[in-house]
Amino acid sequence: MIVSVHIADVSKRSALQIMRTRLDPSRVFGLRYAEVTTAAPLSGRLLPRPKLGRIGLIAGWDDDSAVEAFLAGHPLAAQLAHGWYVRLQPTRVFGTWPGLSGLAATEEPMDDAEPAAVLTLGHLRLSQTLRFLRASAAAEGLAVRDPAVLAATGLARPPGLVATFSLWRTTAAMRAYARGDSGPGHLAATQANAARPFHHESAFIRFRPYAANGNWDGCNPLATTQSEATAVPL
């Protein structure tokens, strides 16, 4: 099983229409899971500010051929085609997530020097919203100041789904952030969640990004220079 994450800017009118889209795995070849979301830049603010017109798609697939079929022929793929997407090999999963039960059952080693991607997913307990926002703000503020973060965004589908997606220059830098080497924000958030969970269910998933295409805020963040080809095998 692999995962793809798509980010695209569309008109506000199109965004409203796309947010009503529900991809049915039984009707899309090779699809196991899909969530269409709004997006908001990570900032460290208590209240996220969604970027109107920015759409995210998180999808789980049988294999690359399923992703390619979607990209070649599905109407939603056409609407997102001018944006950016990445294919991801799962290497470690903490927690569980409905629809993504086929992710790596055992840890797949990653070299310290290779790029990493991280997806966090949660179905928020509404009673824990304020605690979650405070903890998330501290963790996000630390992440956006980290020079090893190539790109990052919050993703959400009201009323309950909250997620983040981040790309890291190296796996070592991602691990250092998770350990709290550069500040306590992320570690404090995970400890607060462990003491009293923010979510009904949640997952933290680490990936090896192995192909990316297109532009996110004007560039492909996984290209070593903006002038490189937009398709980047890793």
C-alpha atoms as a PDB file:
ATOM      1  CA  MET A   1       0.000   0.000   0.000  1.00  0.00           C
ATOM      2  CA  ILE A   2       1.181   3.510  -0.821  1.00  0.00           C
ATOM      3  CA  VAL A   3      -0.156   6.991  -0.072  1.00  0.00           C
ATOM      4  CA  SER A   4      -0.376  10.138  -2.160  1.00  0.00           C
ATOM      5  CA  VAL A   5      -0.822  13.694  -0.920  1.00  0.00           C
ATOM      6  CA  HIS A   6      -2.031  16.406  -3.310  1.00  0.00           C
ATOM      7  CA  ILE A   7      -2.034  20.189  -2.774  1.00  0.00           C
ATOM      8  CA  ALA A   8      -3.632  22.586  -5.270  1.00  0.00           C
ATOM      9  CA  ASP A   9      -4.939  26.144  -5.380  1.00  0.00           C
ATOM     10  CA  VAL A  10      -8.303  26.565  -7.101  1.00  0.00           C
ATOM     11  CA  SER A  11     -10.940  29.266  -7.219  1.00  0.00           C
ATOM     12  CA  LYS A  12     -13.093  29.746  -4.119  1.00  0.00           C
ATOM     13  CA  ARG A  13     -16.122  28.544  -6.068  1.00  0.00           C
ATOM     14  CA  SER A  14     -14.290  25.423  -7.216  1.00  0.00           C
ATOM     15  CA  ALA A  15     -13.043  24.788  -3.686  1.00  0.00           C
ATOM     16  CA  LEU A  16     -16.611  24.650  -2.358  1.00  0.00           C
ATOM     17  CA  GLN A  17     -17.570  22.217  -5.101  1.00  0.00           C
ATOM     18  CA  ILE A  18     -14.495  20.035  -4.566  1.00  0.00           C
ATOM     19  CA  MET A  19     -15.074  19.894  -0.808  1.00  0.00           C
ATOM     20  CA  ARG A  20     -18.387  18.186  -1.540  1.00  0.00           C
ATOM     21  CA  THR A  21     -16.525  15.438  -3.415  1.00  0.00           C
ATOM     22  CA  ARG A  22     -16.342  12.021  -1.797  1.00  0.00           C
ATOM     23  CA  LEU A  23     -14.126   9.453  -3.487  1.00  0.00           C
ATOM     24  CA  ASP A  24     -15.674   6.001  -3.113  1.00  0.00           C
ATOM     25  CA  PRO A  25     -12.989   3.272  -2.971  1.00  0.00           C
ATOM     26  CA  SER A  26     -15.431   0.807  -4.504  1.00  0.00           C
ATOM     27  CA  ARG A  27     -15.697   3.004  -7.612  1.00  0.00           C
ATOM     28  CA  VAL A  28     -12.080   4.136  -8.104  1.00  0.00           C
ATOM     29  CA  PHE A  29      -9.545   1.584  -9.308  1.00  0.00           C
ATOM     30  CA  GLY A  30      -7.024   0.661  -6.606  1.00  0.00           C
ATOM     31  CA  LEU A  31      -8.259   3.232  -4.087  1.00  0.00           C
ATOM     32  CA  ARG A  32      -8.404   2.203  -0.427  1.00  0.00           C
ATOM     33  CA  TYR A  33      -8.914   5.521   1.349  1.00  0.00           C
ATOM     34  CA  ALA A  34      -9.424   9.168   0.415  1.00  0.00           C
ATOM     35  CA  GLU A  35     -10.093  12.427   2.217  1.00  0.00           C
ATOM     36  CA  VAL A  36     -10.571  15.786   0.523  1.00  0.00           C
ATOM     37  CA  THR A  37      -9.584  18.645   2.829  1.00  0.00           C
ATOM     38  CA  THR A  38      -9.119  22.348   3.180  1.00  0.00           C
ATOM     39  CA  ALA A  39      -5.615  23.600   3.947  1.00  0.00           C
ATOM     40  CA  ALA A  40      -4.104  26.149   6.300  1.00  0.00           C
ATOM     41  CA  PRO A  41      -0.421  27.110   6.594  1.00  0.00           C
ATOM     42  CA  LEU A  42       1.276  26.076   9.825  1.00  0.00           C
ATOM     43  CA  SER A  43       1.957  29.238  11.789  1.00  0.00           C
ATOM     44  CA  GLY A  44       2.095  28.807  15.536  1.00  0.00           C
ATOM     45  CA  ARG A  45      -1.131  30.795  15.938  1.00  0.00           C
ATOM     46  CA  LEU A  46      -3.830  29.443  18.230  1.00  0.00           C
ATOM     47  CA  LEU A  47      -6.471  29.644  15.488  1.00  0.00           C
ATOM     48  CA  PRO A  48      -5.398  28.385  12.041  1.00  0.00           C
ATOM     49  CA  ARG A  49      -6.175  30.637   9.085  1.00  0.00           C
ATOM     50  CA  PRO A  50      -7.335  28.502   6.149  1.00  0.00           C
ATOM     51  CA  LYS A  51      -5.979  29.492   2.758  1.00  0.00           C
ATOM     52  CA  LEU A  52      -9.197  29.984   0.804  1.00  0.00           C
ATOM     53  CA  GLY A  53      -9.126  28.002  -2.398  1.00  0.00           C
ATOM     54  CA  ARG A  54      -6.346  25.647  -1.335  1.00  0.00           C
ATOM     55  CA  ILE A  55      -7.427  22.003  -1.464  1.00  0.00           C
ATOM     56  CA  GLY A  56      -5.692  18.919  -0.124  1.00  0.00           C
ATOM     57  CA  LEU A  57      -6.235  15.268  -0.955  1.00  0.00           C
ATOM     58  CA  ILE A  58      -4.921  12.387   1.147  1.00  0.00           C
ATOM     59  CA  ALA A  59      -5.315   9.007  -0.548  1.00  0.00           C
ATOM     60  CA  GLY A  60      -4.244   5.418   0.023  1.00  0.00           C
ATOM     61  CA  TRP A  61      -3.681   3.126  -2.969  1.00  0.00           C
ATOM     62  CA  ASP A  62      -2.908  -0.475  -3.821  1.00  0.00           C
ATOM     63  CA  ASP A  63       0.128   0.513  -5.894  1.00  0.00           C
ATOM     64  CA  ASP A  64       1.573   2.983  -8.390  1.00  0.00           C
ATOM     65  CA  SER A  65      -0.602   1.776 -11.244  1.00  0.00           C
ATOM     66  CA  ALA A  66      -3.689   2.832  -9.276  1.00  0.00           C
ATOM     67  CA  VAL A  67      -2.265   6.338  -8.734  1.00  0.00           C
ATOM     68  CA  GLU A  68      -1.404   6.613 -12.415  1.00  0.00           C
ATOM     69  CA  ALA A  69      -4.918   5.568 -13.463  1.00  0.00           C
ATOM     70  CA  PHE A  70      -6.414   8.194 -11.150  1.00  0.00           C
ATOM     71  CA  LEU A  71      -4.116  10.917 -12.460  1.00  0.00           C
ATOM     72  CA  ALA A  72      -4.843   9.986 -16.069  1.00  0.00           C
ATOM     73  CA  GLY A  73      -8.602   9.798 -15.964  1.00  0.00           C
ATOM     74  CA  HIS A  74     -10.412  10.987 -12.843  1.00  0.00           C
ATOM     75  CA  PRO A  75     -12.233  14.364 -12.837  1.00  0.00           C
ATOM     76  CA  LEU A  76     -10.863  15.290  -9.400  1.00  0.00           C
ATOM     77  CA  ALA A  77      -7.309  14.630 -10.564  1.00  0.00           C
ATOM     78  CA  ALA A  78      -7.936  16.991 -13.474  1.00  0.00           C
ATOM     79  CA  GLN A  79      -9.107  19.716 -11.084  1.00  0.00           C
ATOM     80  CA  LEU A  80      -5.933  19.343  -9.020  1.00  0.00           C
ATOM     81  CA  ALA A  81      -3.559  18.776 -11.947  1.00  0.00           C
ATOM     82  CA  HIS A  82      -1.959  22.263 -11.875  1.00  0.00           C
ATOM     83  CA  GLY A  83      -0.911  21.796  -8.233  1.00  0.00           C
ATOM     84  CA  TRP A  84       1.571  19.412  -6.598  1.00  0.00           C
ATOM     85  CA  TYR A  85       1.515  15.825  -5.468  1.00  0.00           C
ATOM     86  CA  VAL A  86       3.864  13.265  -3.974  1.00  0.00           C
ATOM     87  CA  ARG A  87       3.846   9.480  -3.733  1.00  0.00           C
ATOM     88  CA  LEU A  88       4.834   8.084  -0.367  1.00  0.00           C
ATOM     89  CA  GLN A  89       6.094   4.743   0.897  1.00  0.00           C
ATOM     90  CA  PRO A  90       5.060   4.248   4.542  1.00  0.00           C
ATOM     91  CA  THR A  91       7.969   3.337   6.800  1.00  0.00           C
ATOM     92  CA  ARG A  92       6.588   3.690  10.329  1.00  0.00           C
ATOM     93  CA  VAL A  93       3.114   4.039  11.834  1.00  0.00           C
ATOM     94  CA  PHE A  94       2.136   5.034  15.362  1.00  0.00           C
ATOM     95  CA  GLY A  95      -1.562   4.535  16.087  1.00  0.00           C
ATOM     96  CA  THR A  96      -4.238   3.340  13.684  1.00  0.00           C
ATOM     97  CA  TRP A  97      -6.414   4.957  11.060  1.00  0.00           C
ATOM     98  CA  PRO A  98      -9.569   3.590   9.380  1.00  0.00           C
ATOM     99  CA  GLY A  99      -8.918   2.848   5.730  1.00  0.00           C
ATOM    100  CA  LEU A 100      -5.150   2.840   6.120  1.00  0.00           C
ATOM    101  CA  SER A 101      -4.803  -0.444   7.969  1.00  0.00           C
ATOM    102  CA  GLY A 102      -2.591  -1.793   5.178  1.00  0.00           C
ATOM    103  CA  LEU A 103       0.306   0.519   6.020  1.00  0.00           C
ATOM    104  CA  ALA A 104       3.664  -0.757   7.221  1.00  0.00           C
ATOM    105  CA  ALA A 105       3.140  -3.313   9.983  1.00  0.00           C
ATOM    106  CA  THR A 106       6.834  -3.212  10.887  1.00  0.00           C
ATOM    107  CA  GLU A 107       9.267  -0.317  10.705  1.00  0.00           C
ATOM    108  CA  GLU A 108      11.100   0.178   7.421  1.00  0.00           C
ATOM    109  CA  PRO A 109      14.548   1.664   8.161  1.00  0.00           C
ATOM    110  CA  MET A 110      15.356   5.089   6.723  1.00  0.00           C
ATOM    111  CA  ASP A 111      18.802   6.562   6.280  1.00  0.00           C
ATOM    112  CA  ASP A 112      19.469   9.678   8.337  1.00  0.00           C
ATOM    113  CA  ALA A 113      20.410  11.629   5.201  1.00  0.00           C
ATOM    114  CA  GLU A 114      17.316  10.872   3.083  1.00  0.00           C
ATOM    115  CA  PRO A 115      14.247  13.140   2.914  1.00  0.00           C
ATOM    116  CA  ALA A 116      11.219  12.233   5.015  1.00  0.00           C
ATOM    117  CA  ALA A 117       7.529  13.060   4.979  1.00  0.00           C
ATOM    118  CA  VAL A 118       5.217  12.987   7.982  1.00  0.00           C
ATOM    119  CA  LEU A 119       1.424  12.813   8.043  1.00  0.00           C
ATOM    120  CA  THR A 120      -0.507  13.206  11.289  1.00  0.00           C
ATOM    121  CA  LEU A 121      -4.209  12.353  11.369  1.00  0.00           C
ATOM    122  CA  GLY A 122      -6.780  12.794  14.111  1.00  0.00           C
ATOM    123  CA  HIS A 123     -10.521  12.655  14.644  1.00  0.00           C
ATOM    124  CA  LEU A 124     -10.758  15.434  17.207  1.00  0.00           C
ATOM    125  CA  ARG A 125     -12.719  15.105  20.431  1.00  0.00           C
ATOM    126  CA  LEU A 126     -14.657  18.372  20.380  1.00  0.00           C
ATOM    127  CA  SER A 127     -14.340  18.631  24.171  1.00  0.00           C
ATOM    128  CA  GLN A 128     -10.537  18.733  23.726  1.00  0.00           C
ATOM    129  CA  THR A 129     -10.468  21.426  21.033  1.00  0.00           C
ATOM    130  CA  LEU A 130      -8.864  24.178  23.127  1.00  0.00           C
ATOM    131  CA  ARG A 131      -6.193  21.861  24.564  1.00  0.00           C
ATOM    132  CA  PHE A 132      -5.457  20.588  21.087  1.00  0.00           C
ATOM    133  CA  LEU A 133      -5.173  24.064  19.570  1.00  0.00           C
ATOM    134  CA  ARG A 134      -2.781  25.230  22.306  1.00  0.00           C
ATOM    135  CA  ALA A 135      -0.552  22.179  21.976  1.00  0.00           C
ATOM    136  CA  SER A 136      -0.634  22.281  18.178  1.00  0.00           C
ATOM    137  CA  ALA A 137       0.255  25.969  18.055  1.00  0.00           C
ATOM    138  CA  ALA A 138       3.425  25.381  20.049  1.00  0.00           C
ATOM    139  CA  ALA A 139       4.450  22.383  17.935  1.00  0.00           C
ATOM    140  CA  GLU A 140       3.662  24.133  14.640  1.00  0.00           C
ATOM    141  CA  GLY A 141       5.517  27.272  15.627  1.00  0.00           C
ATOM    142  CA  LEU A 142       8.608  25.197  16.281  1.00  0.00           C
ATOM    143  CA  ALA A 143       8.257  23.376  12.961  1.00  0.00           C
ATOM    144  CA  VAL A 144       7.882  26.469  10.775  1.00  0.00           C
ATOM    145  CA  ARG A 145      11.084  27.907  12.267  1.00  0.00           C
ATOM    146  CA  ASP A 146      13.042  24.717  11.588  1.00  0.00           C
ATOM    147  CA  PRO A 147      15.325  25.176   8.544  1.00  0.00           C
ATOM    148  CA  ALA A 148      15.017  21.465   7.775  1.00  0.00           C
ATOM    149  CA  VAL A 149      11.304  21.791   6.967  1.00  0.00           C
ATOM    150  CA  LEU A 150      10.947  22.000   3.190  1.00  0.00           C
ATOM    151  CA  ALA A 151       7.175  22.551   3.242  1.00  0.00           C
ATOM    152  CA  ALA A 152       4.302  21.969   5.653  1.00  0.00           C
ATOM    153  CA  THR A 153       0.577  22.511   5.898  1.00  0.00           C
ATOM    154  CA  GLY A 154      -2.386  21.861   8.107  1.00  0.00           C
ATOM    155  CA  LEU A 155      -5.257  19.907   6.548  1.00  0.00           C
ATOM    156  CA  ALA A 156      -8.801  19.602   7.847  1.00  0.00           C
ATOM    157  CA  ARG A 157     -12.271  18.420   7.020  1.00  0.00           C
ATOM    158  CA  PRO A 158     -14.812  19.854   9.470  1.00  0.00           C
ATOM    159  CA  PRO A 159     -16.119  19.007  11.911  1.00  0.00           C
ATOM    160  CA  GLY A 160     -13.659  16.410  13.162  1.00  0.00           C
ATOM    161  CA  LEU A 161     -10.722  15.597  10.890  1.00  0.00           C
ATOM    162  CA  VAL A 162      -7.484  17.454  11.615  1.00  0.00           C
ATOM    163  CA  ALA A 163      -4.168  16.634   9.974  1.00  0.00           C
ATOM    164  CA  THR A 164      -0.718  17.973   9.207  1.00  0.00           C
ATOM    165  CA  PHE A 165       1.641  17.121   6.384  1.00  0.00           C
ATOM    166  CA  SER A 166       5.320  18.043   6.413  1.00  0.00           C
ATOM    167  CA  LEU A 167       8.372  17.416   4.245  1.00  0.00           C
ATOM    168  CA  TRP A 168      11.792  17.266   5.886  1.00  0.00           C
ATOM    169  CA  ARG A 169      15.200  17.758   4.283  1.00  0.00           C
ATOM    170  CA  THR A 170      16.554  14.753   6.204  1.00  0.00           C
ATOM    171  CA  THR A 171      15.184  11.970   8.356  1.00  0.00           C
ATOM    172  CA  ALA A 172      17.701  12.889  11.049  1.00  0.00           C
ATOM    173  CA  ALA A 173      16.271  16.427  11.288  1.00  0.00           C
ATOM    174  CA  MET A 174      12.732  15.085  11.520  1.00  0.00           C
ATOM    175  CA  ARG A 175      13.747  12.764  14.343  1.00  0.00           C
ATOM    176  CA  ALA A 176      15.533  15.594  16.171  1.00  0.00           C
ATOM    177  CA  TYR A 177      12.349  17.686  16.028  1.00  0.00           C
ATOM    178  CA  ALA A 178      10.272  14.771  17.332  1.00  0.00           C
ATOM    179  CA  ARG A 179      12.716  14.240  20.224  1.00  0.00           C
ATOM    180  CA  GLY A 180      12.528  17.894  21.192  1.00  0.00           C
ATOM    181  CA  ASP A 181      16.170  18.703  20.425  1.00  0.00           C
ATOM    182  CA  SER A 182      15.283  22.165  19.095  1.00  0.00           C
ATOM    183  CA  GLY A 183      12.542  22.976  21.580  1.00  0.00           C
ATOM    184  CA  PRO A 184       9.827  21.354  23.694  1.00  0.00           C
ATOM    185  CA  GLY A 185       6.761  22.197  21.548  1.00  0.00           C
ATOM    186  CA  HIS A 186       6.276  18.909  19.710  1.00  0.00           C
ATOM    187  CA  LEU A 187       7.360  16.707  22.602  1.00  0.00           C
ATOM    188  CA  ALA A 188       5.045  18.566  24.981  1.00  0.00           C
ATOM    189  CA  ALA A 189       2.139  18.077  22.563  1.00  0.00           C
ATOM    190  CA  THR A 190       2.724  14.324  22.319  1.00  0.00           C
ATOM    191  CA  GLN A 191       3.008  14.035  26.097  1.00  0.00           C
ATOM    192  CA  ALA A 192      -0.219  16.013  26.582  1.00  0.00           C
ATOM    193  CA  ASN A 193      -1.992  13.749  24.101  1.00  0.00           C
ATOM    194  CA  ALA A 194      -0.653  10.628  25.825  1.00  0.00           C
ATOM    195  CA  ALA A 195      -1.898  11.881  29.203  1.00  0.00           C
ATOM    196  CA  ARG A 196      -5.369  12.795  27.899  1.00  0.00           C
ATOM    197  CA  PRO A 197      -5.989  12.060  24.200  1.00  0.00           C
ATOM    198  CA  PHE A 198      -7.105  14.902  21.961  1.00  0.00           C
ATOM    199  CA  HIS A 199      -8.636  12.482  19.468  1.00  0.00           C
ATOM    200  CA  HIS A 200     -11.050   9.581  19.242  1.00  0.00           C
ATOM    201  CA  GLU A 201      -8.462   7.954  16.959  1.00  0.00           C
ATOM    202  CA  SER A 202      -5.178   9.151  15.569  1.00  0.00           C
ATOM    203  CA  ALA A 203      -2.086   8.141  13.624  1.00  0.00           C
ATOM    204  CA  PHE A 204       1.417   9.483  13.077  1.00  0.00           C
ATOM    205  CA  ILE A 205       2.866   8.121   9.841  1.00  0.00           C
ATOM    206  CA  ARG A 206       6.402   8.520   8.528  1.00  0.00           C
ATOM    207  CA  PHE A 207       7.092   8.061   4.833  1.00  0.00           C
ATOM    208  CA  ARG A 208       9.812   7.865   2.252  1.00  0.00           C
ATOM    209  CA  PRO A 209       8.792  10.310  -0.523  1.00  0.00           C
ATOM    210  CA  TYR A 210       9.805   8.683  -3.791  1.00  0.00           C
ATOM    211  CA  ALA A 211       8.198  10.759  -6.555  1.00  0.00           C
ATOM    212  CA  ALA A 212       6.898  14.316  -6.626  1.00  0.00           C
ATOM    213  CA  ASN A 213       5.456  16.399  -9.413  1.00  0.00           C
ATOM    214  CA  GLY A 214       4.227  19.960  -9.889  1.00  0.00           C
ATOM    215  CA  ASN A 215       4.386  23.133  -7.832  1.00  0.00           C
ATOM    216  CA  TRP A 216       3.502  23.987  -4.251  1.00  0.00           C
ATOM    217  CA  ASP A 217       3.799  27.720  -3.594  1.00  0.00           C
ATOM    218  CA  GLY A 218       5.730  28.136  -6.810  1.00  0.00           C
ATOM    219  CA  CYS A 219       8.181  25.248  -6.599  1.00  0.00           C
ATOM    220  CA  ASN A 220       8.590  21.560  -6.006  1.00  0.00           C
ATOM    221  CA  PRO A 221       9.880  21.478  -2.404  1.00  0.00           C
ATOM    222  CA  LEU A 222      11.549  18.132  -2.986  1.00  0.00           C
ATOM    223  CA  ALA A 223      13.671  19.408  -5.850  1.00  0.00           C
ATOM    224  CA  THR A 224      17.152  20.498  -4.809  1.00  0.00           C
ATOM    225  CA  THR A 225      16.727  23.627  -6.937  1.00  0.00           C
ATOM    226  CA  GLN A 226      13.617  25.258  -8.325  1.00  0.00           C
ATOM    227  CA  SER A 227      15.032  24.940 -11.828  1.00  0.00           C
ATOM    228  CA  GLU A 228      15.123  21.142 -11.753  1.00  0.00           C
ATOM    229  CA  ALA A 229      12.545  19.040 -13.589  1.00  0.00           C
ATOM    230  CA  THR A 230       9.236  18.865 -11.738  1.00  0.00           C
ATOM    231  CA  ALA A 231       9.229  15.060 -11.624  1.00  0.00           C
ATOM    232  CA  VAL A 232      11.688  14.015  -8.920  1.00  0.00           C
ATOM    233  CA  PRO A 233      12.372  10.326  -8.197  1.00  0.00           C
ATOM    234  CA  LEU A 234      14.019   9.960  -4.814  1.00  0.00           C
END
